[in-house]
């Protein structure tokens, strides 16, 4: 379910002649993010303090006692 603001954005995009181009770019971006996320989960182990946020790998420093 979309928010009202998202519905307005979608309606605006659908009215645009460049809607198919925008859709293709969105799909490509989502596929790229999915690939990066899969690589991230493949390459990390439980000892690593890392997160995958918005396509970026965030590395946290270890706490020293």
N, C-alpha and C. Protein backbone atom coordinates (compact mmCIF):
# COMPACT_ATOMS: atom_id res chain seq x y z
N UNK A 1 0.84 -1.17 0.00
CA UNK A 1 0.00 0.00 0.00
C UNK A 1 0.89 1.24 0.00
N UNK A 2 0.58 2.16 -0.85
CA UNK A 2 1.37 3.39 -0.97
C UNK A 2 0.79 4.50 -0.12
N UNK A 3 1.66 5.36 0.36
CA UNK A 3 1.23 6.57 1.05
C UNK A 3 0.64 7.53 0.03
N UNK A 4 -0.14 8.49 0.49
CA UNK A 4 -0.75 9.46 -0.42
C UNK A 4 0.31 10.21 -1.21
N UNK A 5 1.41 10.59 -0.57
CA UNK A 5 2.47 11.32 -1.27
C UNK A 5 3.11 10.43 -2.34
N UNK A 6 3.24 9.14 -2.05
CA UNK A 6 3.80 8.21 -3.04
C UNK A 6 2.84 8.02 -4.21
N UNK A 7 1.55 7.99 -3.92
CA UNK A 7 0.54 7.88 -4.99
C UNK A 7 0.64 9.09 -5.92
N UNK A 8 0.83 10.28 -5.34
CA UNK A 8 0.96 11.49 -6.16
C UNK A 8 2.22 11.44 -7.02
N UNK A 9 3.32 10.98 -6.43
CA UNK A 9 4.56 10.85 -7.19
C UNK A 9 4.39 9.87 -8.34
N UNK A 10 3.75 8.74 -8.06
CA UNK A 10 3.53 7.73 -9.08
C UNK A 10 2.66 8.28 -10.20
N UNK A 11 1.59 8.98 -9.85
CA UNK A 11 0.71 9.56 -10.86
C UNK A 11 1.47 10.54 -11.74
N UNK A 12 2.33 11.34 -11.13
CA UNK A 12 3.14 12.30 -11.88
C UNK A 12 4.07 11.59 -12.85
N UNK A 13 4.70 10.52 -12.39
CA UNK A 13 5.61 9.76 -13.25
C UNK A 13 4.84 9.13 -14.41
N UNK A 14 3.68 8.55 -14.12
CA UNK A 14 2.91 7.88 -15.16
C UNK A 14 2.42 8.84 -16.23
N UNK A 15 2.27 10.11 -15.88
CA UNK A 15 1.86 11.12 -16.86
C UNK A 15 3.02 11.57 -17.74
N UNK A 16 4.22 11.25 -17.35
CA UNK A 16 5.41 11.70 -18.06
C UNK A 16 5.71 10.82 -19.27
N UNK A 17 6.13 11.42 -20.38
CA UNK A 17 6.53 10.62 -21.54
C UNK A 17 7.78 9.78 -21.27
N UNK A 18 8.53 10.15 -20.25
CA UNK A 18 9.74 9.38 -19.94
C UNK A 18 9.49 8.28 -18.91
N UNK A 19 8.23 7.97 -18.63
CA UNK A 19 7.89 6.94 -17.64
C UNK A 19 8.57 5.60 -17.93
N UNK A 20 8.58 5.11 -19.18
CA UNK A 20 9.26 3.83 -19.43
C UNK A 20 10.76 3.88 -19.12
N UNK A 21 11.41 4.99 -19.44
CA UNK A 21 12.83 5.14 -19.13
C UNK A 21 13.05 5.15 -17.62
N UNK A 22 12.21 5.88 -16.90
CA UNK A 22 12.31 5.91 -15.44
C UNK A 22 12.09 4.52 -14.85
N UNK A 23 11.14 3.78 -15.38
CA UNK A 23 10.88 2.42 -14.89
C UNK A 23 12.09 1.53 -15.12
N UNK A 24 12.70 1.64 -16.30
CA UNK A 24 13.89 0.83 -16.59
C UNK A 24 15.04 1.17 -15.65
N UNK A 25 15.23 2.45 -15.39
CA UNK A 25 16.31 2.87 -14.48
C UNK A 25 16.04 2.40 -13.06
N UNK A 26 14.78 2.44 -12.64
CA UNK A 26 14.43 1.97 -11.31
C UNK A 26 14.69 0.47 -11.18
N UNK A 27 14.27 -0.29 -12.17
CA UNK A 27 14.50 -1.74 -12.15
C UNK A 27 15.99 -2.05 -12.11
N UNK A 28 16.77 -1.35 -12.91
CA UNK A 28 18.23 -1.57 -12.94
C UNK A 28 18.84 -1.24 -11.58
N UNK A 29 18.41 -0.15 -10.96
CA UNK A 29 18.94 0.23 -9.65
C UNK A 29 18.57 -0.80 -8.59
N UNK A 30 17.35 -1.31 -8.63
CA UNK A 30 16.93 -2.32 -7.66
C UNK A 30 17.69 -3.63 -7.86
N UNK A 31 17.92 -4.00 -9.11
CA UNK A 31 18.69 -5.22 -9.38
C UNK A 31 20.13 -5.07 -8.91
N UNK A 32 20.72 -3.89 -9.10
CA UNK A 32 22.09 -3.63 -8.64
C UNK A 32 22.17 -3.70 -7.12
N UNK A 33 21.19 -3.11 -6.44
CA UNK A 33 21.16 -3.15 -4.98
C UNK A 33 21.00 -4.59 -4.49
N UNK A 34 20.18 -5.37 -5.16
CA UNK A 34 19.99 -6.78 -4.79
C UNK A 34 21.29 -7.56 -4.94
N UNK A 35 22.00 -7.32 -6.03
CA UNK A 35 23.28 -8.00 -6.27
C UNK A 35 24.29 -7.64 -5.18
N UNK A 36 24.38 -6.35 -4.86
CA UNK A 36 25.31 -5.90 -3.82
C UNK A 36 24.96 -6.51 -2.47
N UNK A 37 23.67 -6.58 -2.16
CA UNK A 37 23.23 -7.14 -0.88
C UNK A 37 23.58 -8.63 -0.81
N UNK A 38 23.37 -9.36 -1.90
CA UNK A 38 23.72 -10.78 -1.93
C UNK A 38 25.22 -10.98 -1.76
N UNK A 39 26.03 -10.15 -2.42
CA UNK A 39 27.48 -10.23 -2.25
C UNK A 39 27.88 -9.92 -0.81
N UNK A 40 27.24 -8.92 -0.23
CA UNK A 40 27.52 -8.55 1.15
C UNK A 40 27.29 -9.73 2.08
N UNK A 41 26.12 -10.36 1.99
CA UNK A 41 25.82 -11.48 2.88
C UNK A 41 26.70 -12.69 2.59
N UNK A 42 27.13 -12.85 1.37
CA UNK A 42 28.03 -13.94 1.03
C UNK A 42 29.42 -13.73 1.65
N UNK A 43 29.86 -12.48 1.71
CA UNK A 43 31.24 -12.17 2.10
C UNK A 43 31.45 -11.90 3.59
N UNK A 44 30.39 -11.71 4.35
CA UNK A 44 30.58 -11.41 5.77
C UNK A 44 30.54 -12.68 6.62
N UNK A 45 31.06 -12.54 7.84
CA UNK A 45 30.89 -13.63 8.81
C UNK A 45 30.36 -13.03 10.11
N UNK A 46 30.01 -13.89 11.05
CA UNK A 46 29.36 -13.44 12.28
C UNK A 46 30.23 -12.55 13.15
N UNK A 47 31.54 -12.59 12.97
CA UNK A 47 32.45 -11.79 13.79
C UNK A 47 32.57 -10.35 13.30
N UNK A 48 32.07 -10.07 12.13
CA UNK A 48 32.22 -8.73 11.55
C UNK A 48 31.09 -7.82 12.03
N UNK A 49 31.45 -6.59 12.34
CA UNK A 49 30.48 -5.58 12.75
C UNK A 49 30.18 -4.69 11.55
N UNK A 50 29.31 -5.16 10.68
CA UNK A 50 28.99 -4.44 9.45
C UNK A 50 27.49 -4.45 9.21
N UNK A 51 27.04 -3.44 8.48
CA UNK A 51 25.64 -3.34 8.08
C UNK A 51 25.58 -2.97 6.61
N UNK A 52 24.49 -3.33 5.97
CA UNK A 52 24.22 -2.94 4.59
C UNK A 52 23.03 -2.00 4.63
N UNK A 53 23.29 -0.71 4.37
CA UNK A 53 22.25 0.31 4.47
C UNK A 53 22.20 1.10 3.17
N UNK A 54 21.06 1.07 2.50
CA UNK A 54 20.86 1.83 1.26
C UNK A 54 21.98 1.60 0.25
N UNK A 55 22.38 0.36 0.10
CA UNK A 55 23.40 0.02 -0.89
C UNK A 55 24.83 0.25 -0.45
N UNK A 56 25.01 0.73 0.77
CA UNK A 56 26.35 1.01 1.28
C UNK A 56 26.70 0.04 2.40
N UNK A 57 27.96 -0.36 2.44
CA UNK A 57 28.45 -1.21 3.52
C UNK A 57 29.02 -0.30 4.60
N UNK A 58 28.46 -0.41 5.80
CA UNK A 58 28.88 0.39 6.94
C UNK A 58 29.65 -0.52 7.88
N UNK A 59 30.93 -0.19 8.12
CA UNK A 59 31.79 -0.99 8.99
C UNK A 59 31.89 -0.28 10.34
N UNK A 60 31.60 -1.00 11.40
CA UNK A 60 31.67 -0.45 12.75
C UNK A 60 32.98 -0.89 13.39
N UNK A 61 33.60 0.01 14.12
CA UNK A 61 34.83 -0.35 14.81
C UNK A 61 34.50 -1.20 16.03
N UNK A 62 35.42 -2.05 16.39
CA UNK A 62 35.23 -2.92 17.54
C UNK A 62 35.41 -2.13 18.82
N UNK A 63 34.67 -2.50 19.84
CA UNK A 63 34.78 -1.85 21.15
C UNK A 63 35.98 -2.45 21.87
N UNK A 64 36.85 -1.57 22.40
CA UNK A 64 38.02 -2.03 23.15
C UNK A 64 37.72 -1.91 24.63
N UNK A 65 38.12 -2.92 25.38
CA UNK A 65 37.92 -2.90 26.84
C UNK A 65 39.18 -2.47 27.53
